[in-house]
Protein backbone atom coordinates (compact mmCIF):
# COMPACT_ATOMS: atom_id res chain seq x y z
CA UNK A 1 0.00 0.00 0.00
CA UNK A 2 1.66 3.19 -1.16
CA UNK A 3 0.89 6.63 0.15
CA UNK A 4 0.73 9.39 -2.40
CA UNK A 5 1.97 12.72 -1.16
CA UNK A 6 1.27 16.05 -2.74
CA UNK A 7 4.27 18.00 -3.91
CA UNK A 8 4.68 21.22 -1.93
CA UNK A 9 3.95 24.39 -3.81
CA UNK A 10 6.54 27.08 -3.17
CA UNK A 11 5.27 30.56 -3.95
CA UNK A 12 7.48 32.84 -5.99
CA UNK A 13 9.21 35.18 -3.55
CA UNK A 14 10.27 38.74 -4.16
CA UNK A 15 13.99 39.28 -4.48
CA UNK A 16 13.79 41.85 -1.64
CA UNK A 17 12.48 39.37 0.93
CA UNK A 18 15.06 37.96 3.37
CA UNK A 19 13.90 34.38 2.74
CA UNK A 20 14.98 34.49 -0.90
CA UNK A 21 18.46 35.87 -0.20
CA UNK A 22 21.25 33.34 0.34
CA UNK A 23 22.31 32.78 3.93
CA UNK A 24 25.50 34.45 5.06
CA UNK A 25 28.25 32.64 6.91
CA UNK A 26 27.10 34.27 10.16
CA UNK A 27 23.54 33.01 9.63
CA UNK A 28 24.83 29.51 8.99
CA UNK A 29 27.05 29.62 12.08
CA UNK A 30 24.13 30.77 14.28
CA UNK A 31 21.92 28.04 12.85
CA UNK A 32 24.50 25.33 13.54
CA UNK A 33 25.28 26.71 17.00
CA UNK A 34 21.58 26.70 17.89
CA UNK A 35 21.20 23.11 16.72
CA UNK A 36 24.16 21.94 18.79
CA UNK A 37 22.86 23.55 21.98
CA UNK A 38 21.02 21.42 24.50
CA UNK A 39 17.42 22.26 25.34
CA UNK A 40 16.97 24.74 28.20
CA UNK A 41 14.30 22.72 30.00
CA UNK A 42 15.03 21.87 33.61
CA UNK A 43 18.16 23.97 33.76
CA UNK A 44 18.82 25.49 37.20
CA UNK A 45 18.60 29.25 37.41
CA UNK A 46 20.82 31.46 39.49
CA UNK A 47 18.85 33.69 41.88
CA UNK A 48 19.88 36.20 44.52
CA UNK A 49 17.95 36.74 47.75
CA UNK A 50 18.51 39.00 50.74
CA UNK A 51 18.28 37.19 54.07
CA UNK A 52 18.70 38.46 57.60
CA UNK A 53 21.60 37.15 59.65
CA UNK A 54 19.25 34.89 61.64
CA UNK A 55 18.32 32.95 58.48
CA UNK A 56 21.94 32.77 57.33
CA UNK A 57 22.95 31.37 60.73
CA UNK A 58 20.24 28.69 60.54
CA UNK A 59 21.27 27.71 57.01
CA UNK A 60 24.97 27.54 57.86
CA UNK A 61 24.34 25.61 61.09
CA UNK A 62 22.24 23.01 59.29
CA UNK A 63 24.76 22.88 56.45
CA UNK A 64 27.59 22.07 58.85
CA UNK A 65 25.48 19.54 60.78
CA UNK A 66 24.40 17.64 57.67
CA UNK A 67 27.65 18.09 55.68
CA UNK A 68 25.64 19.40 52.74
CA UNK A 69 25.80 22.70 50.88
CA UNK A 70 23.75 25.78 51.66
CA UNK A 71 21.75 25.31 48.46
CA UNK A 72 20.86 21.75 49.46
CA UNK A 73 19.65 22.97 52.86
CA UNK A 74 17.45 25.62 51.24
CA UNK A 75 16.09 23.04 48.75
CA UNK A 76 15.27 20.69 51.63
CA UNK A 77 13.47 23.47 53.49
CA UNK A 78 11.41 24.33 50.41
CA UNK A 79 10.64 20.65 49.84
CA UNK A 80 9.45 20.37 53.45
CA UNK A 81 7.31 23.48 53.00
CA UNK A 82 5.75 22.04 49.84
CA UNK A 83 4.65 18.91 51.74
CA UNK A 84 2.73 20.87 54.40
CA UNK A 85 -0.94 21.75 54.28
CA UNK A 86 -1.97 25.34 53.61
CA UNK A 87 -2.56 26.26 57.27
CA UNK A 88 0.90 25.09 58.30
CA UNK A 89 2.46 26.94 55.38
CA UNK A 90 0.70 30.14 56.39
CA UNK A 91 1.83 29.72 60.00
CA UNK A 92 5.43 29.22 58.87
CA UNK A 93 5.27 32.22 56.55
CA UNK A 94 3.94 34.42 59.34
CA UNK A 95 6.49 33.01 61.79
CA UNK A 96 9.34 33.78 59.40
CA UNK A 97 8.62 37.49 59.80
CA UNK A 98 9.55 37.19 63.50
CA UNK A 99 13.07 35.86 62.86
């Protein structure tokens, strides 16, 4: 069983349109560079936050106790927060203002 495909019809383009002009070396290089790049999905992003000294002390203390990095301690705290119900989250958010 053979499938018959229609031939694509390519409209005649004006000579002034960028699609009809030949690609420059820079365009080719950008195209190849973009194809070789990995997808951006799931890539960690660098963020900067301002924390009071009390929070920094808690993070560093837990980091030294667990022998893990500061980022891992913050990730664990956020993971723990995500597992709580809404009332507990709200209580923790309000309590964080007191530190």
